Amino acid sequence: MFKLWATIVKDFRVLVRDGIGLSLMFVMPVVLVVVVTDIQNSTFALINKNKMPILICNRDTGESSVQLIEAINKIGMFKVFRLPENQDVESITGAMKQRDALLGIVIPGDFTRKVKAKSKNVAGKALTSFGLQADTVQKNAGDIDPLTLYYNPVLQEQLRFSVQGGLRTALQLVESRETLRSLYFSINEKPLPAKLEDEMLNNKAAINEIPVSKNGTLSAPNAAQHNVPAWTIFAMFFVIMSLGGSVVREKVSGSFIRLKTLPTNYLVGLLSKQITYVAVTVLQAAVIFSLGIWIFPLMGLPSLNIPLDIPGLFVVTLICGWCAVSYAICVGVFAETHQQSNGFGAISIVILAAIGGLMVPSFAMDTSLKTWSNFSPMHWCLQAYYGLFLEGGRLRDVLGNLIPLILITLALQLITFFGLKRKNLI
């Protein structure tokens, strides 16, 4: 036990002297968590709270285009700016840059005429199906000319889909309103009352959003709940920059050979490194979680809600840290130089994070990448944390994620052992 304690003290002193390694393990993750959470939170705010500037060039003079603009206003996603009807493409794109608008719409000149023609055609078909006499004049009415949507290339595809969905909703409202008017007038030979029209068009069912949780008491997750656990895992695995380099230095400097002459085993040294750096990973998690709890609200970011199962959170953090340390030692044993350890370690961590779901959600990946994600320890770390933070689960609920993670860790330990044997280091 004294040998182990002395080795832990030695590893701790070596770690404290490694200023660059400490900055990579603590400063870099803190900056990364703050920046990524702020960006994602701003994106959510753009969709849910802030209004996206949109320029509308209306070349139509009828009432349907006016109704369309009103419907776009009522969606709540957009802040509408009107442009003169004689604007060309260059003028519209120039106005978008001048007003810092991400979107621009051109309503065609015959929009109202086409909407009315199509509505009468649909109403006539409906009346015919009811066995009533219908106006056959508009049966050959053509399709409505499409709206032209200009967008800034920086607008992400997900946001564009949201924009298109909102515009389709506004278009559908205009077409439905005109079809109802045509049907009512054909049957009653008088205009549709405004009150009845409003009741028929706005009588929509409400949607209650309830996050699925393990205990039924979970509040809606925010950007901090998604990002803080993910980038905490990323920080844990970046101990490879310090630990992997430490193992390589001991091999290159001949420390392994000198240790073999002493009345001890290098496995004691490896155990010491694991204990020391697992403690570092737990400290990393504590620092980043504390940042999310107390500092994020001061920065205008959503606060991190800690899971109810604190012991379960500690166990998950401990196992995740152990896996990260095992991977770092494994890379350090097989790397021949410090540059190999750092280069391979940094690139492999980014790749494991990408396929593990830290950068792109696993559900958005295709089938082949989903299969590969099962081999990434970060995937199982992330799923275990999400089970606690997002689903409100307890330790027993995430055992299915911890078991594969433990198996991967034991495999890394076994590979490290055989690597040391092959190099005659133990």
Protein backbone atom coordinates (compact mmCIF):
# COMPACT_ATOMS: atom_id res chain seq x y z
CA MET A 1 0.00 0.00 0.00
CA PHE A 2 2.92 2.35 0.74
CA LYS A 3 4.35 1.72 -2.73
CA LEU A 4 1.01 2.56 -4.32
CA TRP A 5 0.63 5.73 -2.26
CA ALA A 6 4.18 6.87 -3.09
CA THR A 7 3.51 6.28 -6.79
CA ILE A 8 0.24 8.25 -6.62
CA VAL A 9 2.08 11.18 -5.01
CA LYS A 10 4.70 11.01 -7.78
CA ASP A 11 2.05 10.98 -10.53
CA PHE A 12 0.23 13.88 -8.90
CA ARG A 13 3.41 15.97 -8.83
CA VAL A 14 4.10 15.17 -12.49
CA LEU A 15 0.53 16.16 -13.35
CA VAL A 16 0.76 19.49 -11.51
CA ARG A 17 3.91 20.40 -13.47
CA ASP A 18 2.12 19.77 -16.79
CA GLY A 19 0.56 23.19 -17.31
CA ILE A 20 -0.44 22.58 -20.93
CA GLY A 21 -2.07 19.28 -20.04
CA LEU A 22 -4.03 20.87 -17.21
CA SER A 23 -5.25 23.66 -19.49
CA LEU A 24 -6.41 21.08 -22.07
CA MET A 25 -8.21 19.13 -19.36
CA PHE A 26 -9.90 22.07 -17.61
CA VAL A 27 -9.74 25.39 -19.48
CA MET A 28 -10.49 24.03 -22.95
CA PRO A 29 -13.62 22.05 -21.89
CA VAL A 30 -15.00 25.00 -19.92
CA VAL A 31 -14.64 27.33 -22.93
CA LEU A 32 -16.08 24.64 -25.22
CA VAL A 33 -19.12 24.04 -23.02
CA VAL A 34 -19.89 27.76 -22.72
CA VAL A 35 -19.48 28.47 -26.45
CA VAL A 36 -21.45 25.46 -27.71
CA THR A 37 -24.27 25.92 -25.19
CA ASP A 38 -24.52 29.62 -26.02
CA ILE A 39 -24.68 28.89 -29.75
CA GLN A 40 -27.31 26.19 -29.40
CA ASN A 41 -29.34 28.25 -26.96
CA SER A 42 -29.26 31.18 -29.41
CA THR A 43 -30.48 28.86 -32.16
CA PHE A 44 -33.38 27.69 -30.00
CA ALA A 45 -34.21 31.30 -29.16
CA LEU A 46 -34.18 32.22 -32.85
CA ILE A 47 -36.80 29.57 -33.53
CA ASN A 48 -38.91 29.84 -30.39
CA LYS A 49 -38.62 33.43 -29.13
CA ASN A 50 -36.90 35.82 -31.50
CA LYS A 51 -38.43 36.66 -34.87
CA MET A 52 -36.52 35.98 -38.05
CA PRO A 53 -36.38 39.01 -40.41
CA ILE A 54 -38.08 38.29 -43.75
CA LEU A 55 -38.49 40.59 -46.76
CA ILE A 56 -41.64 40.26 -48.86
CA CYS A 57 -41.96 41.59 -52.39
CA ASN A 58 -45.69 41.43 -53.22
CA ARG A 59 -46.32 41.72 -56.98
CA ASP A 60 -49.97 40.85 -56.56
CA THR A 61 -52.70 43.47 -55.98
CA GLY A 62 -55.47 41.14 -54.77
CA GLU A 63 -56.72 40.27 -51.31
CA SER A 64 -55.22 36.75 -51.19
CA SER A 65 -51.67 38.10 -51.10
CA VAL A 66 -52.65 40.48 -48.27
CA GLN A 67 -54.14 37.54 -46.37
CA LEU A 68 -50.95 35.55 -46.96
CA ILE A 69 -48.79 38.32 -45.49
CA GLU A 70 -51.11 38.55 -42.48
CA ALA A 71 -50.92 34.77 -42.03
CA ILE A 72 -47.11 34.89 -42.15
CA ASN A 73 -47.19 37.61 -39.48
CA LYS A 74 -49.46 35.52 -37.24
CA ILE A 75 -47.15 32.49 -37.33
CA GLY A 76 -44.84 34.27 -34.88
CA MET A 77 -41.60 33.13 -36.49
CA PHE A 78 -41.02 36.14 -38.73
CA LYS A 79 -40.56 39.88 -38.58
CA VAL A 80 -41.98 41.05 -41.91
CA PHE A 81 -40.57 43.90 -44.01
CA ARG A 82 -42.36 44.98 -47.19
CA LEU A 83 -40.51 45.78 -50.41
CA PRO A 84 -41.84 47.64 -53.49
CA GLU A 85 -43.48 45.34 -56.04
CA ASN A 86 -41.08 46.23 -58.87
CA GLN A 87 -37.98 44.80 -57.18
CA ASP A 88 -35.76 42.51 -59.25
CA VAL A 89 -33.59 39.67 -57.96
CA GLU A 90 -30.52 41.87 -57.43
CA SER A 91 -32.55 44.43 -55.51
CA ILE A 92 -34.08 41.78 -53.28
CA THR A 93 -30.74 40.13 -52.45
CA GLY A 94 -29.20 43.56 -51.90
CA ALA A 95 -32.02 44.50 -49.52
CA MET A 96 -31.50 41.22 -47.63
CA LYS A 97 -27.84 42.09 -47.05
CA GLN A 98 -28.65 45.68 -46.14
CA ARG A 99 -31.28 44.73 -43.55
CA ASP A 100 -29.39 41.64 -42.36
CA ALA A 101 -32.38 39.48 -43.31
CA LEU A 102 -31.97 35.75 -43.83
CA LEU A 103 -35.09 35.31 -45.97
CA GLY A 104 -36.85 36.98 -48.87
CA ILE A 105 -40.16 36.05 -50.56
CA VAL A 106 -41.61 37.08 -53.91
CA ILE A 107 -45.39 36.70 -54.32
CA PRO A 108 -46.27 36.33 -58.06
CA GLY A 109 -48.50 38.89 -59.77
CA ASP A 110 -51.41 36.53 -60.46
CA PHE A 111 -51.45 34.96 -56.99
CA THR A 112 -54.99 36.07 -56.04
CA ARG A 113 -56.46 35.10 -59.43
CA LYS A 114 -54.91 31.63 -59.27
CA VAL A 115 -56.00 31.10 -55.66
CA LYS A 116 -59.60 32.03 -56.49
CA ALA A 117 -59.59 29.86 -59.60
CA LYS A 118 -58.24 26.84 -57.75
CA SER A 119 -60.67 27.38 -54.86
CA LYS A 120 -63.66 27.51 -57.19
CA ASN A 121 -62.42 24.37 -58.92
CA VAL A 122 -62.10 22.50 -55.59
CA ALA A 123 -65.47 23.81 -54.41
CA GLY A 124 -67.11 22.72 -57.68
CA LYS A 125 -65.73 19.21 -57.34
CA ALA A 126 -66.95 19.05 -53.75
CA LEU A 127 -70.45 20.18 -54.72
CA THR A 128 -70.55 17.65 -57.56
CA SER A 129 -69.60 14.87 -55.16
CA PHE A 130 -72.50 16.00 -52.94
CA GLY A 131 -74.90 15.69 -55.90
CA LEU A 132 -75.34 19.46 -56.22
CA GLN A 133 -75.05 21.56 -59.34
CA ALA A 134 -71.63 23.22 -59.58
CA ASP A 135 -70.05 25.92 -61.69
CA THR A 136 -68.03 24.12 -64.40
CA VAL A 137 -66.27 27.20 -65.73
CA GLN A 138 -63.23 26.81 -63.48
CA LYS A 139 -62.64 23.07 -63.88
CA ASN A 140 -59.51 23.62 -65.94
CA ALA A 141 -57.95 26.07 -63.54
CA GLY A 142 -54.16 25.72 -63.38
CA ASP A 143 -51.96 25.32 -60.34
CA ILE A 144 -50.97 28.32 -58.27
CA ASP A 145 -47.59 29.72 -59.24
CA PRO A 146 -45.08 28.89 -56.49
CA LEU A 147 -43.70 31.49 -54.14
CA THR A 148 -40.02 32.27 -54.63
CA LEU A 149 -38.02 31.97 -51.41
CA TYR A 150 -34.55 33.51 -51.24
CA TYR A 151 -32.41 32.50 -48.26
CA ASN A 152 -28.98 33.27 -46.92
CA PRO A 153 -26.68 30.22 -47.32
CA VAL A 154 -25.71 30.45 -43.64
CA LEU A 155 -29.26 29.37 -42.73
CA GLN A 156 -29.01 25.74 -41.69
CA GLU A 157 -31.12 23.08 -43.37
CA GLN A 158 -33.08 22.37 -40.19
CA LEU A 159 -34.10 26.03 -39.92
CA ARG A 160 -35.03 26.11 -43.61
CA PHE A 161 -37.37 23.18 -43.07
CA SER A 162 -39.00 25.04 -40.20
CA VAL A 163 -39.40 28.12 -42.43
CA GLN A 164 -40.90 26.07 -45.24
CA GLY A 165 -43.33 24.45 -42.82
CA GLY A 166 -44.45 27.85 -41.56
CA LEU A 167 -44.93 29.21 -45.09
CA ARG A 168 -46.90 26.14 -46.15
CA THR A 169 -49.15 26.62 -43.14
CA ALA A 170 -49.80 30.24 -44.18
CA LEU A 171 -50.50 29.21 -47.80
CA GLN A 172 -52.85 26.46 -46.69
CA LEU A 173 -54.75 28.93 -44.52
CA VAL A 174 -55.24 31.32 -47.46
CA GLU A 175 -56.38 28.54 -49.80
CA SER A 176 -58.71 27.01 -47.19
CA ARG A 177 -60.28 30.41 -46.51
CA GLU A 178 -61.01 31.00 -50.20
CA THR A 179 -62.36 27.46 -50.69
CA LEU A 180 -64.74 27.87 -47.73
CA ARG A 181 -65.97 31.17 -49.14
CA SER A 182 -66.59 29.60 -52.56
CA LEU A 183 -68.48 26.64 -51.06
CA TYR A 184 -70.62 28.83 -48.82
CA PHE A 185 -71.46 31.25 -51.61
CA SER A 186 -72.35 28.44 -54.02
CA ILE A 187 -74.75 26.90 -51.50
CA ASN A 188 -76.24 30.01 -49.85
CA GLU A 189 -75.66 32.61 -52.60
CA LYS A 190 -74.33 35.08 -50.06
CA PRO A 191 -70.87 35.80 -48.58
CA LEU A 192 -69.55 33.74 -45.69
CA PRO A 193 -69.99 35.65 -42.38
CA ALA A 194 -66.68 36.75 -40.89
CA LYS A 195 -67.46 35.27 -37.48
CA LEU A 196 -68.32 31.86 -38.90
CA GLU A 197 -65.26 31.96 -41.13
CA ASP A 198 -63.05 32.69 -38.14
CA GLU A 199 -64.58 29.85 -36.12
CA MET A 200 -64.14 27.35 -38.94
CA LEU A 201 -60.53 28.27 -39.68
CA ASN A 202 -59.23 28.83 -36.15
CA ASN A 203 -60.91 25.92 -34.39
CA LYS A 204 -57.69 23.96 -33.88
CA ALA A 205 -56.86 21.34 -31.29
CA ALA A 206 -54.19 22.28 -28.76
CA ILE A 207 -50.95 20.32 -28.45
CA ASN A 208 -49.57 19.48 -25.01
CA GLU A 209 -45.83 18.72 -25.00
CA ILE A 210 -44.72 16.34 -22.25
CA PRO A 211 -41.12 15.00 -22.11
CA VAL A 212 -40.97 11.25 -21.53
CA SER A 213 -39.26 10.56 -18.20
CA LYS A 214 -38.59 7.65 -15.89
CA ASN A 215 -40.30 9.09 -12.81
CA GLY A 216 -42.87 11.47 -14.30
CA THR A 217 -41.43 14.62 -12.65
CA LEU A 218 -38.97 15.75 -15.33
CA SER A 219 -39.13 19.32 -16.59
CA ALA A 220 -38.53 20.19 -20.23
CA PRO A 221 -34.80 19.83 -21.07
CA ASN A 222 -32.80 22.85 -22.21
CA ALA A 223 -29.56 23.45 -24.12
CA ALA A 224 -27.48 22.98 -20.94
CA GLN A 225 -28.96 19.53 -20.29
CA HIS A 226 -27.85 18.43 -23.77
CA ASN A 227 -24.44 20.07 -24.01
CA VAL A 228 -22.90 19.95 -20.52
CA PRO A 229 -22.88 16.12 -20.17
CA ALA A 230 -21.71 15.66 -23.78
CA TRP A 231 -18.72 17.98 -23.55
CA THR A 232 -17.87 16.75 -20.06
CA ILE A 233 -17.29 13.33 -21.65
CA PHE A 234 -15.18 15.00 -24.33
CA ALA A 235 -13.09 16.65 -21.60
CA MET A 236 -12.62 13.35 -19.78
CA PHE A 237 -11.20 11.64 -22.84
CA PHE A 238 -8.85 14.54 -23.47
CA VAL A 239 -6.78 13.40 -20.48
CA ILE A 240 -5.00 11.43 -23.20
CA MET A 241 -2.99 14.57 -23.97
CA SER A 242 -1.41 14.44 -20.52
CA LEU A 243 -1.64 10.79 -19.48
CA GLY A 244 -0.69 9.29 -22.85
CA GLY A 245 2.31 11.60 -23.06
CA SER A 246 3.32 10.67 -19.52
CA VAL A 247 3.38 6.96 -20.39
CA VAL A 248 5.43 7.64 -23.54
CA ARG A 249 7.93 9.78 -21.61
CA GLU A 250 8.49 7.02 -19.09
CA LYS A 251 9.18 4.55 -21.90
CA VAL A 252 11.51 6.88 -23.79
CA SER A 253 13.42 8.04 -20.69
CA GLY A 254 14.06 4.49 -19.54
CA SER A 255 11.89 4.72 -16.42
CA PHE A 256 10.36 1.36 -17.26
CA ILE A 257 13.77 -0.31 -17.21
CA ARG A 258 14.73 1.32 -13.91
CA LEU A 259 11.42 0.27 -12.32
CA LYS A 260 12.15 -3.37 -13.23
CA THR A 261 15.28 -3.22 -11.02
CA LEU A 262 13.25 -2.11 -8.00
CA PRO A 263 11.30 -4.44 -5.66
CA THR A 264 7.96 -3.50 -7.20
CA ASN A 265 5.89 -4.13 -10.33
CA TYR A 266 5.03 -1.62 -13.04
CA LEU A 267 1.40 -2.71 -12.71
CA VAL A 268 1.47 -0.76 -9.45
CA GLY A 269 2.51 2.30 -11.46
CA LEU A 270 -0.32 1.75 -13.93
CA LEU A 271 -2.80 1.40 -11.08
CA SER A 272 -1.43 4.63 -9.60
CA LYS A 273 -1.93 6.47 -12.89
CA GLN A 274 -5.47 5.18 -13.16
CA ILE A 275 -6.39 6.28 -9.64
CA THR A 276 -4.80 9.71 -10.11
CA TYR A 277 -6.37 10.47 -13.48
CA VAL A 278 -9.78 9.01 -12.62
CA ALA A 279 -9.78 11.52 -9.76
CA VAL A 280 -8.91 14.20 -12.34
CA THR A 281 -11.89 13.20 -14.54
CA VAL A 282 -14.24 13.33 -11.55
CA LEU A 283 -12.87 16.80 -10.75
CA GLN A 284 -13.43 17.82 -14.39
CA ALA A 285 -17.07 16.75 -14.18
CA ALA A 286 -17.52 18.58 -10.87
CA VAL A 287 -16.07 21.80 -12.32
CA ILE A 288 -18.15 21.70 -15.51
CA PHE A 289 -21.36 20.73 -13.71
CA SER A 290 -20.80 23.54 -11.19
CA LEU A 291 -20.32 25.93 -14.10
CA GLY A 292 -23.66 24.85 -15.55
CA ILE A 293 -25.46 25.21 -12.22
CA TRP A 294 -24.17 28.55 -10.94
CA ILE A 295 -22.33 30.41 -13.73
CA PHE A 296 -24.64 29.75 -16.70
CA PRO A 297 -27.57 31.75 -15.20
CA LEU A 298 -25.25 34.72 -14.64
CA MET A 299 -24.32 34.57 -18.35
CA GLY A 300 -27.93 34.47 -19.50
CA LEU A 301 -27.79 30.75 -20.30
CA PRO A 302 -30.21 28.09 -19.03
CA SER A 303 -29.18 26.49 -15.75
CA LEU A 304 -28.12 22.85 -15.58
CA ASN A 305 -30.56 20.70 -13.60
CA ILE A 306 -28.69 18.02 -11.68
CA PRO A 307 -30.36 14.54 -11.63
CA LEU A 308 -32.13 13.39 -8.49
CA ASP A 309 -29.88 10.32 -8.17
CA ILE A 310 -26.62 11.98 -7.06
CA PRO A 311 -24.90 8.67 -6.10
CA GLY A 312 -25.88 7.30 -9.52
CA LEU A 313 -24.39 10.38 -11.18
CA PHE A 314 -21.14 9.83 -9.27
CA VAL A 315 -20.96 6.16 -10.30
CA VAL A 316 -21.60 6.99 -13.96
CA THR A 317 -18.91 9.70 -13.84
CA LEU A 318 -16.48 7.28 -12.20
CA ILE A 319 -17.00 4.59 -14.85
CA CYS A 320 -16.80 7.10 -17.71
CA GLY A 321 -13.57 8.49 -16.26
CA TRP A 322 -12.12 4.99 -15.84
CA CYS A 323 -12.85 4.22 -19.51
CA ALA A 324 -11.22 7.49 -20.63
CA VAL A 325 -8.12 6.79 -18.52
CA SER A 326 -7.89 3.20 -19.81
CA TYR A 327 -8.02 4.44 -23.40
CA ALA A 328 -5.30 7.04 -22.72
CA ILE A 329 -2.96 4.46 -21.15
CA CYS A 330 -3.58 2.02 -24.00
CA VAL A 331 -2.63 4.63 -26.60
CA GLY A 332 0.42 5.66 -24.55
CA VAL A 333 1.67 2.06 -24.32
CA PHE A 334 1.55 1.49 -28.08
CA ALA A 335 2.76 4.96 -29.16
CA GLU A 336 6.49 5.19 -29.83
CA THR A 337 6.85 8.96 -29.50
CA HIS A 338 5.14 11.84 -27.75
CA GLN A 339 4.00 13.21 -31.13
CA GLN A 340 2.36 9.90 -32.03
CA SER A 341 0.50 9.81 -28.73
CA ASN A 342 -0.80 13.38 -29.00
CA GLY A 343 -1.57 13.25 -32.72
CA PHE A 344 -3.36 9.90 -32.72
CA GLY A 345 -5.02 10.65 -29.39
CA ALA A 346 -6.52 13.99 -30.44
CA ILE A 347 -7.75 12.73 -33.83
CA SER A 348 -9.18 9.50 -32.43
CA ILE A 349 -11.04 11.38 -29.68
CA VAL A 350 -12.68 13.65 -32.26
CA ILE A 351 -13.66 10.63 -34.39
CA LEU A 352 -15.05 8.73 -31.39
CA ALA A 353 -16.99 11.84 -30.37
CA ALA A 354 -18.43 12.22 -33.88
CA ILE A 355 -19.61 8.64 -34.25
CA GLY A 356 -20.60 8.49 -30.58
CA GLY A 357 -23.27 11.17 -30.93
CA LEU A 358 -21.55 14.09 -29.19
CA MET A 359 -21.45 16.25 -32.34
CA VAL A 360 -24.40 14.85 -34.31
CA PRO A 361 -27.30 13.08 -32.55
CA SER A 362 -27.28 9.32 -33.05
CA PHE A 363 -30.87 9.28 -34.32
CA ALA A 364 -29.81 11.53 -37.23
CA MET A 365 -27.13 9.08 -38.43
CA ASP A 366 -27.67 6.49 -41.15
CA THR A 367 -27.79 2.78 -40.33
CA SER A 368 -24.08 2.07 -40.88
CA LEU A 369 -22.95 4.91 -38.61
CA LYS A 370 -25.43 3.86 -35.93
CA THR A 371 -23.78 0.43 -35.96
CA TRP A 372 -20.32 1.96 -35.63
CA SER A 373 -21.48 4.18 -32.78
CA ASN A 374 -21.89 1.07 -30.62
CA PHE A 375 -18.09 0.66 -30.70
CA SER A 376 -17.48 4.17 -29.41
CA PRO A 377 -17.19 4.34 -25.62
CA MET A 378 -18.38 7.94 -25.78
CA HIS A 379 -21.72 6.72 -27.14
CA TRP A 380 -22.38 4.62 -24.03
CA CYS A 381 -21.10 7.40 -21.76
CA LEU A 382 -23.48 9.87 -23.40
CA GLN A 383 -26.47 7.53 -23.23
CA ALA A 384 -25.82 6.90 -19.54
CA TYR A 385 -25.63 10.64 -18.79
CA TYR A 386 -28.71 11.36 -20.89
CA GLY A 387 -30.60 8.67 -19.00
CA LEU A 388 -29.92 10.63 -15.81
CA PHE A 389 -30.11 14.24 -17.03
CA LEU A 390 -32.77 14.11 -19.76
CA GLU A 391 -34.94 11.13 -18.80
CA GLY A 392 -34.82 11.61 -15.04
CA GLY A 393 -33.66 8.02 -14.50
CA ARG A 394 -31.65 6.45 -11.73
CA LEU A 395 -28.59 4.22 -11.73
CA ARG A 396 -30.60 1.05 -12.32
CA ASP A 397 -32.15 2.64 -15.40
CA VAL A 398 -28.77 3.20 -17.09
CA LEU A 399 -27.16 -0.15 -16.28
CA GLY A 400 -27.83 -1.23 -19.86
CA ASN A 401 -25.46 1.55 -20.98
CA LEU A 402 -22.87 1.02 -18.26
CA ILE A 403 -22.37 -2.70 -18.93
CA PRO A 404 -21.09 -2.20 -22.53
CA LEU A 405 -18.94 0.67 -21.25
CA ILE A 406 -17.38 -1.56 -18.58
CA LEU A 407 -16.76 -4.30 -21.17
CA ILE A 408 -14.99 -1.80 -23.46
CA THR A 409 -12.90 -0.62 -20.50
CA LEU A 410 -11.88 -4.17 -19.57
CA ALA A 411 -10.99 -4.83 -23.22
CA LEU A 412 -8.74 -1.75 -23.21
CA GLN A 413 -7.11 -2.94 -19.98
CA LEU A 414 -6.46 -6.36 -21.52
CA ILE A 415 -5.01 -4.86 -24.69
CA THR A 416 -2.74 -2.66 -22.57
CA PHE A 417 -1.53 -5.67 -20.58
CA PHE A 418 -0.64 -7.64 -23.71
CA GLY A 419 1.05 -4.55 -25.15
CA LEU A 420 3.27 -4.27 -22.09
CA LYS A 421 4.05 -7.98 -22.26
CA ARG A 422 4.95 -7.80 -25.96
CA LYS A 423 7.29 -4.86 -25.33
CA ASN A 424 8.86 -6.69 -22.33
CA LEU A 425 7.91 -3.80 -20.07
CA ILE A 426 6.41 -6.02 -17.36
